[in-house]
Amino acid sequence: MKEIKKVILCGIGAVGAVYADKLQKYDPENFRVLVDTNRLDKYRKTPIYFNDTKLDVNYITPDDTNFAADLILIATKMTGLDAAIDEMKNFVKGNTIILPLLNGVTSEERLAQAYGWDKVLYAYFIGHSSVRTGNKIKHDGINTLVFGADKNPDERVEAVKNFFDKAHINYKVPNDIRHSLWCKYMLNVASNPTTAILRMSFGEMLENKYFMKLATKIMKEVQAVAKAEGVRNTETMIDETVAHLHTMVPDGKTSMLQDVEAKRTTEIDMFTGTMIRLGEKHNIPTPYCNFLQEMFDIIHENQRLHKNKTTES
């Protein structure tokens, strides 16, 4: 596997901005942020500020044919994945490695369907949540990119590790990446929708015994589905997830709570929607996830009605 030099980032939101900042500082000549023409115009008119500094990066549009990416990082929301898959096609070459940093457990498979498993590694972001207000993003620097392959050793993993070492990007390569990925998914399913509905911070969530009782019931649904999906060592997942929750900043907010507060579209389908579909696939009941999905149907409908009234007035 050749040395990684040319890197593309898809998505420059709360997570993407963290890595745009790092990669721009490391090697701006070989780093590009992929955007369509509409977003390019938007970012030129209203630049993104990361920790109060203008994020001055080199953008590239999907019609460019002169940039062969060694590594593509995808940090869009799940709702933007299909567009990213299509827009990155000119930059995927023979040795390109793709790392999806999206929440959930389905993005790797969707990318592999488009470009092949030989190009896709499992990956996710862990760390403290960014706070996004309009075009301003703040992050405290606590972040790790977790990635790996189904089987080790893998020369693609080694190539990415070598590049991240040079770019000063924090990373972790677990012994069992699918187990780790599903633990992150368990954390998200149990904490994102619930805190968004109840408007609770991480600290409030952890201090409330009734909240944690509910969260554990949701985790058990994820645990059962994970086992059916072939994830190993599922019996330890709940303890691992609870331990990870205790590392979060007490006054921090989940990304979904931030989305609801800002009246943005949420990623509920990626969390409870996926759980419901996989539960049906394996004939596993998911009553708590079903209830959360219904609650968000109400939230989204209320947003739509309010938007229509605002437009009419």
Protein backbone atom coordinates (compact mmCIF):
# COMPACT_ATOMS: atom_id res chain seq x y z
CA MET A 1 0.00 0.00 0.00
CA LYS A 2 1.45 3.35 -1.05
CA GLU A 3 1.92 6.31 1.28
CA ILE A 4 -1.15 8.45 1.91
CA LYS A 5 -0.73 12.04 0.74
CA LYS A 6 -3.84 13.35 -1.00
CA VAL A 7 -6.89 13.55 1.28
CA ILE A 8 -10.50 14.56 0.71
CA LEU A 9 -13.03 15.36 3.42
CA CYS A 10 -16.77 15.13 2.75
CA GLY A 11 -18.77 17.11 5.29
CA ILE A 12 -17.56 20.09 7.27
CA GLY A 13 -20.03 20.18 10.14
CA ALA A 14 -19.52 19.49 13.83
CA VAL A 15 -17.21 16.49 13.30
CA GLY A 16 -15.82 17.34 9.88
CA ALA A 17 -14.59 20.74 11.03
CA VAL A 18 -12.40 19.08 13.68
CA TYR A 19 -10.49 17.19 10.98
CA ALA A 20 -10.60 19.98 8.41
CA ASP A 21 -8.72 22.13 10.93
CA LYS A 22 -6.11 19.43 11.59
CA LEU A 23 -5.55 18.46 7.95
CA GLN A 24 -5.41 22.04 6.71
CA LYS A 25 -2.69 22.80 9.26
CA TYR A 26 -0.77 19.64 8.34
CA ASP A 27 -0.68 19.77 4.51
CA PRO A 28 -2.96 22.30 2.81
CA GLU A 29 -1.55 21.54 -0.66
CA ASN A 30 -2.77 17.94 -0.56
CA PHE A 31 -6.04 18.46 1.32
CA ARG A 32 -9.45 19.26 -0.16
CA VAL A 33 -12.99 19.61 1.18
CA LEU A 34 -15.55 18.24 -1.27
CA VAL A 35 -18.66 20.40 -1.73
CA ASP A 36 -21.26 20.97 -4.42
CA THR A 37 -21.47 24.38 -6.08
CA ASN A 38 -24.31 25.55 -3.85
CA ARG A 39 -22.37 24.86 -0.67
CA LEU A 40 -19.26 26.38 -2.19
CA ASP A 41 -21.12 29.65 -2.76
CA LYS A 42 -22.54 29.47 0.75
CA TYR A 43 -19.15 28.92 2.42
CA ARG A 44 -17.56 31.70 0.39
CA LYS A 45 -20.27 34.13 1.47
CA THR A 46 -20.50 32.84 5.05
CA PRO A 47 -17.23 31.12 6.02
CA ILE A 48 -17.09 28.53 8.77
CA TYR A 49 -15.31 29.52 11.97
CA PHE A 50 -13.73 26.81 14.08
CA ASN A 51 -12.85 27.84 17.62
CA ASP A 52 -13.18 31.50 16.58
CA THR A 53 -10.75 31.17 13.65
CA LYS A 54 -11.86 31.23 10.03
CA LEU A 55 -11.55 27.75 8.54
CA ASP A 56 -9.71 28.67 5.35
CA VAL A 57 -9.54 25.41 3.36
CA ASN A 58 -9.20 24.46 -0.29
CA TYR A 59 -12.54 23.28 -1.69
CA ILE A 60 -13.10 20.91 -4.58
CA THR A 61 -16.32 20.25 -6.50
CA PRO A 62 -17.61 16.90 -7.80
CA ASP A 63 -16.85 17.69 -11.45
CA ASP A 64 -13.10 18.05 -10.84
CA THR A 65 -11.05 15.26 -12.44
CA ASN A 66 -7.53 16.22 -11.39
CA PHE A 67 -7.33 14.97 -7.81
CA ALA A 68 -6.79 11.27 -7.08
CA ALA A 69 -7.50 10.72 -3.38
CA ASP A 70 -5.43 8.33 -1.31
CA LEU A 71 -7.82 8.77 1.62
CA ILE A 72 -11.42 9.98 1.78
CA LEU A 73 -12.96 10.87 5.15
CA ILE A 74 -16.75 11.09 5.19
CA ALA A 75 -18.16 13.23 8.00
CA THR A 76 -21.60 14.08 6.61
CA LYS A 77 -24.80 13.28 8.39
CA MET A 78 -26.44 10.03 7.29
CA THR A 79 -28.94 12.04 5.24
CA GLY A 80 -26.01 13.29 3.15
CA LEU A 81 -24.33 9.94 2.57
CA ASP A 82 -26.00 9.12 -0.76
CA ALA A 83 -24.97 12.50 -2.15
CA ALA A 84 -21.40 12.00 -0.89
CA ILE A 85 -21.20 8.55 -2.51
CA ASP A 86 -22.16 10.07 -5.84
CA GLU A 87 -20.07 13.24 -5.56
CA MET A 88 -16.82 11.45 -4.65
CA LYS A 89 -16.78 9.07 -7.62
CA ASN A 90 -14.23 11.09 -9.64
CA PHE A 91 -11.73 10.88 -6.79
CA VAL A 92 -11.88 7.15 -5.94
CA LYS A 93 -8.96 5.37 -7.59
CA GLY A 94 -7.32 1.95 -7.30
CA ASN A 95 -5.71 2.41 -3.86
CA THR A 96 -8.17 4.88 -2.33
CA ILE A 97 -9.12 4.17 1.30
CA ILE A 98 -12.52 5.35 2.56
CA LEU A 99 -13.23 6.05 6.23
CA PRO A 100 -16.86 6.89 7.12
CA LEU A 101 -17.12 8.82 10.40
CA LEU A 102 -20.90 8.79 10.47
CA ASN A 103 -22.95 7.63 13.41
CA GLY A 104 -24.76 4.33 13.00
CA VAL A 105 -23.79 0.89 11.72
CA THR A 106 -24.83 0.94 8.05
CA SER A 107 -22.60 3.48 6.27
CA GLU A 108 -19.72 1.05 5.68
CA GLU A 109 -21.98 -1.43 3.92
CA ARG A 110 -23.52 1.28 1.73
CA LEU A 111 -20.08 2.54 0.72
CA ALA A 112 -18.88 -1.00 0.05
CA GLN A 113 -21.86 -1.59 -2.23
CA ALA A 114 -20.75 1.42 -4.26
CA TYR A 115 -16.96 1.04 -4.20
CA GLY A 116 -16.10 -2.41 -2.80
CA TRP A 117 -14.98 -3.64 0.61
CA ASP A 118 -11.36 -3.44 -0.55
CA LYS A 119 -11.62 0.34 -0.21
CA VAL A 120 -13.75 0.68 2.94
CA LEU A 121 -12.66 0.46 6.58
CA TYR A 122 -14.93 0.59 9.63
CA ALA A 123 -14.60 3.89 11.46
CA TYR A 124 -16.26 6.28 13.88
CA PHE A 125 -15.58 9.40 15.93
CA ILE A 126 -15.51 9.51 19.71
CA GLY A 127 -14.92 12.52 21.88
CA HIS A 128 -16.72 15.50 23.30
CA SER A 129 -19.50 16.93 21.18
CA SER A 130 -18.85 20.08 19.21
CA VAL A 131 -21.17 23.01 19.81
CA ARG A 132 -22.47 24.41 16.55
CA THR A 133 -24.17 27.80 16.34
CA GLY A 134 -24.86 28.90 12.79
CA ASN A 135 -21.51 29.01 10.96
CA LYS A 136 -19.52 28.86 14.21
CA ILE A 137 -18.24 25.56 15.63
CA LYS A 138 -16.49 25.17 18.97
CA HIS A 139 -14.69 22.04 20.15
CA ASP A 140 -12.52 21.43 23.20
CA GLY A 141 -9.98 19.20 21.44
CA ILE A 142 -11.08 15.90 23.01
CA ASN A 143 -11.41 13.62 19.98
CA THR A 144 -10.32 10.24 18.69
CA LEU A 145 -10.88 8.59 15.34
CA VAL A 146 -11.48 4.86 15.84
CA PHE A 147 -11.03 2.61 12.82
CA GLY A 148 -10.06 -0.85 11.69
CA ALA A 149 -10.67 -3.84 9.44
CA ASP A 150 -12.56 -7.09 9.96
CA LYS A 151 -9.31 -9.02 9.89
CA ASN A 152 -5.84 -8.01 11.03
CA PRO A 153 -3.15 -7.33 10.01
CA ASP A 154 -4.37 -5.09 7.18
CA GLU A 155 -2.02 -2.94 5.12
CA ARG A 156 -4.71 -0.27 4.67
CA VAL A 157 -4.92 0.15 8.45
CA GLU A 158 -1.15 0.52 8.67
CA ALA A 159 -1.14 3.15 5.91
CA VAL A 160 -3.81 5.20 7.71
CA LYS A 161 -1.99 4.87 11.04
CA ASN A 162 1.23 6.15 9.47
CA PHE A 163 -0.58 9.13 7.96
CA PHE A 164 -2.43 10.00 11.18
CA ASP A 165 0.83 9.87 13.12
CA LYS A 166 2.32 12.46 10.77
CA ALA A 167 -0.81 14.63 10.78
CA HIS A 168 -1.09 14.50 14.60
CA ILE A 169 -4.57 12.98 14.49
CA ASN A 170 -5.61 11.01 17.57
CA TYR A 171 -6.68 7.49 16.70
CA LYS A 172 -7.35 4.05 18.10
CA VAL A 173 -7.39 0.67 16.36
CA PRO A 174 -9.38 -1.78 18.53
CA ASN A 175 -8.94 -5.54 18.40
CA ASP A 176 -12.57 -5.96 17.33
CA ILE A 177 -13.75 -2.95 15.34
CA ARG A 178 -17.33 -4.20 14.84
CA HIS A 179 -17.78 -4.71 18.58
CA SER A 180 -16.47 -1.20 19.21
CA LEU A 181 -18.66 0.26 16.45
CA TRP A 182 -21.78 -1.32 17.94
CA CYS A 183 -20.88 -0.04 21.42
CA LYS A 184 -20.77 3.48 19.97
CA TYR A 185 -24.09 2.81 18.25
CA MET A 186 -25.59 1.57 21.54
CA LEU A 187 -24.48 4.78 23.23
CA ASN A 188 -26.06 6.89 20.49
CA VAL A 189 -29.37 5.01 20.37
CA ALA A 190 -29.74 5.19 24.15
CA SER A 191 -28.67 8.81 24.64
CA ASN A 192 -29.36 10.88 21.53
CA PRO A 193 -33.15 10.51 21.07
CA THR A 194 -33.87 10.44 24.80
CA THR A 195 -31.87 13.53 25.72
CA ALA A 196 -33.31 15.37 22.71
CA ILE A 197 -36.87 14.65 23.84
CA LEU A 198 -36.20 15.42 27.51
CA ARG A 199 -33.77 18.33 26.84
CA MET A 200 -31.12 16.91 29.19
CA SER A 201 -27.34 17.32 29.28
CA PHE A 202 -24.98 14.38 29.79
CA GLY A 203 -24.62 15.28 33.45
CA GLU A 204 -28.37 15.45 34.03
CA MET A 205 -28.77 12.14 32.25
CA LEU A 206 -26.18 10.36 34.37
CA GLU A 207 -27.45 11.79 37.66
CA ASN A 208 -31.04 10.70 37.05
CA LYS A 209 -31.56 7.07 38.07
CA TYR A 210 -34.85 6.83 36.17
CA PHE A 211 -33.24 8.07 32.98
CA MET A 212 -30.44 5.51 33.30
CA LYS A 213 -32.99 2.78 33.95
CA LEU A 214 -34.71 3.69 30.68
CA ALA A 215 -31.40 3.97 28.83
CA THR A 216 -30.43 0.47 29.98
CA LYS A 217 -33.66 -0.97 28.58
CA ILE A 218 -32.87 0.64 25.23
CA MET A 219 -29.33 -0.73 25.39
CA LYS A 220 -30.70 -4.23 25.90
CA GLU A 221 -32.63 -3.93 22.64
CA VAL A 222 -29.44 -2.91 20.84
CA GLN A 223 -27.54 -5.74 22.54
CA ALA A 224 -30.02 -8.35 21.30
CA VAL A 225 -29.93 -7.03 17.73
CA ALA A 226 -26.12 -6.81 17.76
CA LYS A 227 -25.87 -10.45 18.80
CA ALA A 228 -28.23 -11.45 15.99
CA GLU A 229 -26.06 -9.45 13.57
CA GLY A 230 -23.02 -11.52 14.51
CA VAL A 231 -21.26 -9.04 16.78
CA ARG A 232 -18.95 -10.80 19.23
CA ASN A 233 -18.84 -10.41 23.02
CA THR A 234 -22.17 -8.62 23.25
CA GLU A 235 -22.50 -9.52 26.93
CA THR A 236 -20.01 -6.76 27.85
CA MET A 237 -21.49 -4.02 25.67
CA ILE A 238 -23.80 -2.38 28.21
CA ASP A 239 -21.12 -2.03 30.90
CA GLU A 240 -18.70 -0.62 28.31
CA THR A 241 -21.28 1.87 27.06
CA VAL A 242 -22.22 3.12 30.52
CA ALA A 243 -18.53 3.53 31.37
CA HIS A 244 -18.04 5.60 28.21
CA LEU A 245 -21.02 7.82 29.05
CA HIS A 246 -19.28 8.75 32.30
CA THR A 247 -16.39 10.25 30.29
CA MET A 248 -18.63 12.87 28.65
CA VAL A 249 -18.59 16.54 29.67
CA PRO A 250 -21.43 16.97 32.23
CA ASP A 251 -22.86 20.11 30.64
CA GLY A 252 -22.39 18.78 27.09
CA LYS A 253 -25.33 18.06 24.81
CA THR A 254 -25.87 15.25 22.34
CA SER A 255 -25.82 16.21 18.67
CA MET A 256 -29.51 15.32 18.36
CA LEU A 257 -30.48 17.63 21.21
CA GLN A 258 -28.56 20.41 19.46
CA ASP A 259 -30.42 19.61 16.23
CA VAL A 260 -33.82 19.73 17.93
CA GLU A 261 -33.01 23.00 19.67
CA ALA A 262 -31.90 24.51 16.34
CA LYS A 263 -34.95 23.02 14.57
CA ARG A 264 -32.71 21.02 12.23
CA THR A 265 -33.62 17.65 10.72
CA THR A 266 -32.38 14.89 13.02
CA GLU A 267 -30.77 11.52 12.32
CA ILE A 268 -33.46 9.56 14.13
CA ASP A 269 -33.86 7.08 11.27
CA MET A 270 -30.21 6.11 11.54
CA PHE A 271 -30.70 5.28 15.22
CA THR A 272 -34.17 3.96 16.01
CA GLY A 273 -35.19 3.44 12.40
CA THR A 274 -32.26 1.10 11.81
CA MET A 275 -32.98 -0.69 15.08
CA ILE A 276 -36.63 -1.24 14.13
CA ARG A 277 -35.69 -2.62 10.70
CA LEU A 278 -33.01 -4.95 12.09
CA GLY A 279 -35.36 -6.05 14.86
CA GLU A 280 -37.95 -7.01 12.27
CA LYS A 281 -35.26 -8.79 10.24
CA HIS A 282 -34.33 -10.98 13.22
CA ASN A 283 -37.83 -11.14 14.79
CA ILE A 284 -36.59 -9.23 17.86
CA PRO A 285 -39.07 -6.84 19.57
CA THR A 286 -37.86 -3.22 19.89
CA PRO A 287 -40.70 -1.48 21.79
CA TYR A 288 -38.56 1.31 23.27
CA CYS A 289 -37.03 2.18 19.91
CA ASN A 290 -40.49 2.10 18.34
CA PHE A 291 -41.73 4.56 20.96
CA LEU A 292 -38.78 6.90 20.43
CA GLN A 293 -39.37 6.80 16.67
CA GLU A 294 -43.00 7.81 17.20
CA MET A 295 -41.96 10.67 19.46
CA PHE A 296 -39.68 12.01 16.75
CA ASP A 297 -42.41 11.65 14.15
CA ILE A 298 -44.33 14.10 16.35
CA ILE A 299 -41.32 16.44 16.73
CA HIS A 300 -40.65 16.53 12.99
CA GLU A 301 -44.32 17.05 12.17
CA ASN A 302 -44.45 19.91 14.64
CA GLN A 303 -41.38 21.47 13.01
CA ARG A 304 -43.02 21.13 9.59
CA LEU A 305 -46.28 22.70 10.74
CA HIS A 306 -44.48 25.57 12.45
CA LYS A 307 -42.38 26.18 9.34
CA ASN A 308 -45.50 26.27 7.14
CA LYS A 309 -47.21 28.75 9.47
CA THR A 310 -44.13 30.96 9.48
CA THR A 311 -43.99 30.87 5.68
CA GLU A 312 -47.68 31.71 5.33
CA SER A 313 -47.44 34.66 7.71
